[in-house]
Amino acid sequence: MKGKPIAELPNFGPKSQQMLERAGIKTLEELRRLGSVAAYVRVKRCGASTSLNLLWAMEGALTGISWQEVAREHRTSLILALDEFERGGRD
C-alpha cells in the first residue's frame, strides 16, 4: 500500500477506520482523490451505519483541522455538497 494509512490520520477511531477500509479507502491519497463527500457516500453505500460525524472527520483529515471545527464552521457547505452529489447520482 502506497501512502499514509487511514489509521495514522487524526479524527478517526477504529470503527471509522474499518468503515473506510471496507469502502476501499485505505490511504490519505485515496481519500484525497475522492474528497470527503464522495468518500462519505461510498461508505454509506457499503451499508455502514454512520453519522455526519464521519463526514466531518474526513474533511478534517483533508484540511488538517479537527472534526469539531469542521462541524462548526463548514457544516452547511458540506451538507449542501452532499445533497448535490447525491442528486447528481455521481459515484
C-alpha atoms as a PDB file:
ATOM      1  CA  MET A   1       0.000   0.000   0.000  1.00  0.00           C
ATOM      2  CA  LYS A   2       1.362   3.368  -1.003  1.00  0.00           C
ATOM      3  CA  GLY A   3       0.655   6.460   1.076  1.00  0.00           C
ATOM      4  CA  LYS A   4      -0.200   7.319   4.645  1.00  0.00           C
ATOM      5  CA  PRO A   5      -2.629   4.747   6.094  1.00  0.00           C
ATOM      6  CA  ILE A   6      -6.010   5.937   7.331  1.00  0.00           C
ATOM      7  CA  ALA A   7      -5.146   4.531  10.770  1.00  0.00           C
ATOM      8  CA  GLU A   8      -2.440   7.202  11.135  1.00  0.00           C
ATOM      9  CA  LEU A   9      -4.732  10.138  10.426  1.00  0.00           C
ATOM     10  CA  PRO A  10      -6.301  12.323  13.121  1.00  0.00           C
ATOM     11  CA  ASN A  11     -10.067  12.318  13.683  1.00  0.00           C
ATOM     12  CA  PHE A  12     -10.591   8.580  13.042  1.00  0.00           C
ATOM     13  CA  GLY A  13     -11.289   5.939  15.641  1.00  0.00           C
ATOM     14  CA  PRO A  14     -11.130   2.190  14.968  1.00  0.00           C
ATOM     15  CA  LYS A  15     -14.767   1.966  13.843  1.00  0.00           C
ATOM     16  CA  SER A  16     -14.348   4.806  11.335  1.00  0.00           C
ATOM     17  CA  GLN A  17     -11.145   3.225  10.022  1.00  0.00           C
ATOM     18  CA  GLN A  18     -12.949  -0.079   9.484  1.00  0.00           C
ATOM     19  CA  MET A  19     -15.816   1.599   7.618  1.00  0.00           C
ATOM     20  CA  LEU A  20     -13.403   3.441   5.331  1.00  0.00           C
ATOM     21  CA  GLU A  21     -11.344   0.341   4.647  1.00  0.00           C
ATOM     22  CA  ARG A  22     -14.483  -1.677   3.876  1.00  0.00           C
ATOM     23  CA  ALA A  23     -15.341   1.020   1.318  1.00  0.00           C
ATOM     24  CA  GLY A  24     -11.887   0.602  -0.251  1.00  0.00           C
ATOM     25  CA  ILE A  25     -10.396   3.772   1.228  1.00  0.00           C
ATOM     26  CA  LYS A  26      -7.158   2.786   2.924  1.00  0.00           C
ATOM     27  CA  THR A  27      -4.818   5.745   2.477  1.00  0.00           C
ATOM     28  CA  LEU A  28      -4.864   9.511   2.701  1.00  0.00           C
ATOM     29  CA  GLU A  29      -4.195   9.648  -1.037  1.00  0.00           C
ATOM     30  CA  GLU A  30      -7.325   7.600  -1.777  1.00  0.00           C
ATOM     31  CA  LEU A  31      -9.367   9.846   0.494  1.00  0.00           C
ATOM     32  CA  ARG A  32      -7.876  12.956  -1.124  1.00  0.00           C
ATOM     33  CA  ARG A  33      -8.616  11.622  -4.627  1.00  0.00           C
ATOM     34  CA  LEU A  34     -12.276  11.043  -3.757  1.00  0.00           C
ATOM     35  CA  GLY A  35     -12.832  14.006  -1.499  1.00  0.00           C
ATOM     36  CA  SER A  36     -14.746  13.851   1.750  1.00  0.00           C
ATOM     37  CA  VAL A  37     -18.242  13.988   0.236  1.00  0.00           C
ATOM     38  CA  ALA A  38     -17.723  11.194  -2.310  1.00  0.00           C
ATOM     39  CA  ALA A  39     -15.910   9.094   0.297  1.00  0.00           C
ATOM     40  CA  TYR A  40     -18.800   9.545   2.735  1.00  0.00           C
ATOM     41  CA  VAL A  41     -21.303   8.435   0.086  1.00  0.00           C
ATOM     42  CA  ARG A  42     -19.134   5.425  -0.743  1.00  0.00           C
ATOM     43  CA  VAL A  43     -19.042   4.380   2.929  1.00  0.00           C
ATOM     44  CA  LYS A  44     -22.830   4.733   3.194  1.00  0.00           C
ATOM     45  CA  ARG A  45     -23.328   2.679   0.016  1.00  0.00           C
ATOM     46  CA  CYS A  46     -21.299  -0.141   1.556  1.00  0.00           C
ATOM     47  CA  GLY A  47     -24.047  -0.486   4.136  1.00  0.00           C
ATOM     48  CA  ALA A  48     -22.288   1.251   7.008  1.00  0.00           C
ATOM     49  CA  SER A  49     -24.491   2.868   9.597  1.00  0.00           C
ATOM     50  CA  THR A  50     -22.713   6.141  10.171  1.00  0.00           C
ATOM     51  CA  SER A  51     -23.471   9.724  11.042  1.00  0.00           C
ATOM     52  CA  LEU A  52     -22.343  13.012   9.582  1.00  0.00           C
ATOM     53  CA  ASN A  53     -19.527  12.958  12.149  1.00  0.00           C
ATOM     54  CA  LEU A  54     -17.657  10.712   9.706  1.00  0.00           C
ATOM     55  CA  LEU A  55     -18.002  13.380   7.012  1.00  0.00           C
ATOM     56  CA  TRP A  56     -16.663  15.999   9.418  1.00  0.00           C
ATOM     57  CA  ALA A  57     -13.760  13.687  10.345  1.00  0.00           C
ATOM     58  CA  MET A  58     -12.825  13.054   6.716  1.00  0.00           C
ATOM     59  CA  GLU A  59     -12.952  16.743   5.834  1.00  0.00           C
ATOM     60  CA  GLY A  60     -10.837  17.460   8.907  1.00  0.00           C
ATOM     61  CA  ALA A  61      -8.268  14.871   7.857  1.00  0.00           C
ATOM     62  CA  LEU A  62      -8.031  16.505   4.434  1.00  0.00           C
ATOM     63  CA  THR A  63      -7.815  20.059   5.723  1.00  0.00           C
ATOM     64  CA  GLY A  64      -5.801  19.486   8.885  1.00  0.00           C
ATOM     65  CA  ILE A  65      -8.437  20.777  11.276  1.00  0.00           C
ATOM     66  CA  SER A  66     -10.400  18.989  13.975  1.00  0.00           C
ATOM     67  CA  TRP A  67     -13.711  17.387  13.127  1.00  0.00           C
ATOM     68  CA  GLN A  68     -15.378  19.606  15.750  1.00  0.00           C
ATOM     69  CA  GLU A  69     -14.224  22.745  13.955  1.00  0.00           C
ATOM     70  CA  VAL A  70     -15.381  21.328  10.620  1.00  0.00           C
ATOM     71  CA  ALA A  71     -18.803  20.653  12.151  1.00  0.00           C
ATOM     72  CA  ARG A  72     -19.000  24.233  13.430  1.00  0.00           C
ATOM     73  CA  GLU A  73     -17.519  26.122  10.500  1.00  0.00           C
ATOM     74  CA  HIS A  74     -18.214  24.016   7.388  1.00  0.00           C
ATOM     75  CA  ARG A  75     -21.374  22.077   8.248  1.00  0.00           C
ATOM     76  CA  THR A  76     -23.714  23.899   5.862  1.00  0.00           C
ATOM     77  CA  SER A  77     -21.388  23.849   2.854  1.00  0.00           C
ATOM     78  CA  LEU A  78     -20.667  20.131   3.311  1.00  0.00           C
ATOM     79  CA  ILE A  79     -24.344  19.224   3.685  1.00  0.00           C
ATOM     80  CA  LEU A  80     -25.157  21.208   0.529  1.00  0.00           C
ATOM     81  CA  ALA A  81     -22.290  19.492  -1.332  1.00  0.00           C
ATOM     82  CA  LEU A  82     -23.536  16.098  -0.115  1.00  0.00           C
ATOM     83  CA  ASP A  83     -27.072  16.856  -1.272  1.00  0.00           C
ATOM     84  CA  GLU A  84     -25.822  17.994  -4.674  1.00  0.00           C
ATOM     85  CA  PHE A  85     -23.612  14.931  -5.018  1.00  0.00           C
ATOM     86  CA  GLU A  86     -26.439  12.541  -4.193  1.00  0.00           C
ATOM     87  CA  ARG A  87     -28.903  14.285  -6.518  1.00  0.00           C
ATOM     88  CA  GLY A  88     -26.364  14.116  -9.320  1.00  0.00           C
ATOM     89  CA  GLY A  89     -26.007  10.368  -8.884  1.00  0.00           C
ATOM     90  CA  ARG A  90     -22.228  10.536  -9.044  1.00  0.00           C
ATOM     91  CA  ASP A  91     -20.078   7.718  -7.704  1.00  0.00           C
END
